[in-house]
Amino acid sequence: MRPMPSQHDGLKDFVLDRLVDLRGVTARAMFGGYGLSCDGTFFGIVHKGRLYFKTNDETRTTYVRSGMKPFRPNAKQTLKSFYEVPTDVLEDAEQLGQWAAGAVQSS
């Protein structure tokens, strides 16, 4: 019997569907969620119902201005190079694709 898909699986599938134009995007289980890669470049994380993209000094300010926080897999660890993607961006396939491409370039 196959396990029921989790909330993480649903978000992962949703994100992969939204990023269909960004060729070579894959997801694999990691961090208790999924890591997203594009042609072998790790650029995103799906964890506990949230999507995080890799940032750099230039792109990070856009996330911070949107009120987004860095990826925090547990109380003792924060990955300040990955920030949560705002809901309005997640819901707009074109904008999500642009942010994802920026995350790939940040990696």
C-alpha atoms as a PDB file:
ATOM      1  CA  MET A   1       0.000   0.000   0.000  1.00  0.00           C
ATOM      2  CA  ARG A   2       1.308   3.421  -0.949  1.00  0.00           C
ATOM      3  CA  PRO A   3       1.399   6.150   1.742  1.00  0.00           C
ATOM      4  CA  MET A   4      -1.011   9.053   1.463  1.00  0.00           C
ATOM      5  CA  PRO A   5       0.549  12.210   0.027  1.00  0.00           C
ATOM      6  CA  SER A   6       1.334  14.831   2.635  1.00  0.00           C
ATOM      7  CA  GLN A   7       0.752  18.572   2.540  1.00  0.00           C
ATOM      8  CA  HIS A   8       4.422  18.846   1.512  1.00  0.00           C
ATOM      9  CA  ASP A   9       3.774  16.585  -1.487  1.00  0.00           C
ATOM     10  CA  GLY A  10       0.871  18.794  -2.572  1.00  0.00           C
ATOM     11  CA  LEU A  11       2.932  21.975  -2.404  1.00  0.00           C
ATOM     12  CA  LYS A  12       5.877  20.279  -4.106  1.00  0.00           C
ATOM     13  CA  ASP A  13       3.630  19.121  -6.954  1.00  0.00           C
ATOM     14  CA  PHE A  14       2.015  22.569  -7.204  1.00  0.00           C
ATOM     15  CA  VAL A  15       5.423  24.278  -7.399  1.00  0.00           C
ATOM     16  CA  LEU A  16       6.739  21.800  -9.979  1.00  0.00           C
ATOM     17  CA  ASP A  17       3.623  22.398 -12.102  1.00  0.00           C
ATOM     18  CA  ARG A  18       4.102  26.167 -11.824  1.00  0.00           C
ATOM     19  CA  LEU A  19       7.769  25.915 -12.811  1.00  0.00           C
ATOM     20  CA  VAL A  20       7.198  23.745 -15.890  1.00  0.00           C
ATOM     21  CA  ASP A  21       8.736  26.447 -18.137  1.00  0.00           C
ATOM     22  CA  LEU A  22      11.959  26.383 -16.105  1.00  0.00           C
ATOM     23  CA  ARG A  23      13.441  23.310 -17.750  1.00  0.00           C
ATOM     24  CA  GLY A  24      15.266  20.697 -15.696  1.00  0.00           C
ATOM     25  CA  VAL A  25      13.540  21.372 -12.339  1.00  0.00           C
ATOM     26  CA  THR A  26      13.415  18.352 -10.034  1.00  0.00           C
ATOM     27  CA  ALA A  27      12.553  17.713  -6.392  1.00  0.00           C
ATOM     28  CA  ARG A  28      14.042  15.204  -3.983  1.00  0.00           C
ATOM     29  CA  ALA A  29      13.292  14.443  -0.358  1.00  0.00           C
ATOM     30  CA  MET A  30      15.509  16.323   2.128  1.00  0.00           C
ATOM     31  CA  PHE A  31      15.241  18.396   5.331  1.00  0.00           C
ATOM     32  CA  GLY A  32      11.953  16.643   6.129  1.00  0.00           C
ATOM     33  CA  GLY A  33      10.600  18.248   2.947  1.00  0.00           C
ATOM     34  CA  TYR A  34      11.983  18.585  -0.579  1.00  0.00           C
ATOM     35  CA  GLY A  35      14.980  20.231  -2.184  1.00  0.00           C
ATOM     36  CA  LEU A  36      14.456  21.815  -5.602  1.00  0.00           C
ATOM     37  CA  SER A  37      17.167  21.746  -8.246  1.00  0.00           C
ATOM     38  CA  CYS A  38      17.440  23.015 -11.804  1.00  0.00           C
ATOM     39  CA  ASP A  39      19.908  21.083 -13.945  1.00  0.00           C
ATOM     40  CA  GLY A  40      21.755  20.072 -10.790  1.00  0.00           C
ATOM     41  CA  THR A  41      21.755  23.548  -9.176  1.00  0.00           C
ATOM     42  CA  PHE A  42      20.075  23.490  -5.740  1.00  0.00           C
ATOM     43  CA  PHE A  43      17.842  26.575  -5.500  1.00  0.00           C
ATOM     44  CA  GLY A  44      14.763  25.895  -3.371  1.00  0.00           C
ATOM     45  CA  ILE A  45      13.246  24.107  -0.406  1.00  0.00           C
ATOM     46  CA  VAL A  46       9.677  22.976   0.253  1.00  0.00           C
ATOM     47  CA  HIS A  47       9.299  22.497   4.001  1.00  0.00           C
ATOM     48  CA  LYS A  48       6.240  22.375   6.268  1.00  0.00           C
ATOM     49  CA  GLY A  49       3.916  23.856   3.668  1.00  0.00           C
ATOM     50  CA  ARG A  50       6.231  26.716   2.717  1.00  0.00           C
ATOM     51  CA  LEU A  51       8.487  27.419  -0.257  1.00  0.00           C
ATOM     52  CA  TYR A  52      11.952  28.941   0.167  1.00  0.00           C
ATOM     53  CA  PHE A  53      14.311  30.149  -2.563  1.00  0.00           C
ATOM     54  CA  LYS A  54      18.066  30.708  -2.499  1.00  0.00           C
ATOM     55  CA  THR A  55      19.004  34.373  -2.236  1.00  0.00           C
ATOM     56  CA  ASN A  56      22.104  36.502  -2.520  1.00  0.00           C
ATOM     57  CA  ASP A  57      22.914  40.020  -1.311  1.00  0.00           C
ATOM     58  CA  GLU A  58      20.974  41.551  -4.230  1.00  0.00           C
ATOM     59  CA  THR A  59      17.848  39.382  -4.222  1.00  0.00           C
ATOM     60  CA  ARG A  60      17.506  38.996  -0.443  1.00  0.00           C
ATOM     61  CA  THR A  61      16.302  42.588   0.004  1.00  0.00           C
ATOM     62  CA  THR A  62      13.192  41.855  -2.106  1.00  0.00           C
ATOM     63  CA  TYR A  63      12.243  39.006   0.230  1.00  0.00           C
ATOM     64  CA  VAL A  64      12.944  41.048   3.365  1.00  0.00           C
ATOM     65  CA  ARG A  65      10.913  44.006   2.040  1.00  0.00           C
ATOM     66  CA  SER A  66       8.041  41.564   1.478  1.00  0.00           C
ATOM     67  CA  GLY A  67       8.233  40.587   5.165  1.00  0.00           C
ATOM     68  CA  MET A  68       9.621  37.121   4.465  1.00  0.00           C
ATOM     69  CA  LYS A  69      11.838  35.221   6.884  1.00  0.00           C
ATOM     70  CA  PRO A  70      14.819  32.910   6.336  1.00  0.00           C
ATOM     71  CA  PHE A  71      14.478  29.127   6.313  1.00  0.00           C
ATOM     72  CA  ARG A  72      14.512  27.775   9.845  1.00  0.00           C
ATOM     73  CA  PRO A  73      14.301  23.983   9.848  1.00  0.00           C
ATOM     74  CA  ASN A  74      14.501  23.874  13.654  1.00  0.00           C
ATOM     75  CA  ALA A  75      14.916  26.184  16.648  1.00  0.00           C
ATOM     76  CA  LYS A  76      18.713  25.909  16.583  1.00  0.00           C
ATOM     77  CA  GLN A  77      19.331  26.390  12.863  1.00  0.00           C
ATOM     78  CA  THR A  78      18.600  29.202  10.414  1.00  0.00           C
ATOM     79  CA  LEU A  79      19.747  29.210   6.779  1.00  0.00           C
ATOM     80  CA  LYS A  80      19.923  32.911   5.944  1.00  0.00           C
ATOM     81  CA  SER A  81      20.627  32.239   2.273  1.00  0.00           C
ATOM     82  CA  PHE A  82      17.119  30.765   1.791  1.00  0.00           C
ATOM     83  CA  TYR A  83      14.030  32.946   2.249  1.00  0.00           C
ATOM     84  CA  GLU A  84      10.330  32.153   2.108  1.00  0.00           C
ATOM     85  CA  VAL A  85       8.561  33.012  -1.146  1.00  0.00           C
ATOM     86  CA  PRO A  86       5.575  35.365  -0.625  1.00  0.00           C
ATOM     87  CA  THR A  87       2.129  33.846  -1.196  1.00  0.00           C
ATOM     88  CA  ASP A  88       1.244  36.325  -3.953  1.00  0.00           C
ATOM     89  CA  VAL A  89       4.380  35.268  -5.873  1.00  0.00           C
ATOM     90  CA  LEU A  90       3.606  31.586  -5.301  1.00  0.00           C
ATOM     91  CA  GLU A  91       0.131  32.083  -6.771  1.00  0.00           C
ATOM     92  CA  ASP A  92       1.396  33.886  -9.917  1.00  0.00           C
ATOM     93  CA  ALA A  93       3.078  31.332 -12.212  1.00  0.00           C
ATOM     94  CA  GLU A  94       4.931  33.949 -14.280  1.00  0.00           C
ATOM     95  CA  GLN A  95       6.278  35.786 -11.257  1.00  0.00           C
ATOM     96  CA  LEU A  96       7.170  32.510  -9.526  1.00  0.00           C
ATOM     97  CA  GLY A  97       9.151  31.493 -12.592  1.00  0.00           C
ATOM     98  CA  GLN A  98      11.061  34.779 -12.500  1.00  0.00           C
ATOM     99  CA  TRP A  99      11.849  34.427  -8.800  1.00  0.00           C
ATOM    100  CA  ALA A 100      12.913  30.808  -9.324  1.00  0.00           C
ATOM    101  CA  ALA A 101      15.233  31.812 -12.179  1.00  0.00           C
ATOM    102  CA  GLY A 102      16.741  34.446  -9.873  1.00  0.00           C
ATOM    103  CA  ALA A 103      17.218  31.795  -7.187  1.00  0.00           C
ATOM    104  CA  VAL A 104      18.988  29.505  -9.659  1.00  0.00           C
ATOM    105  CA  GLN A 105      21.311  32.369 -10.617  1.00  0.00           C
ATOM    106  CA  SER A 106      21.944  33.080  -6.900  1.00  0.00           C
ATOM    107  CA  SER A 107      23.200  29.540  -6.377  1.00  0.00           C
END
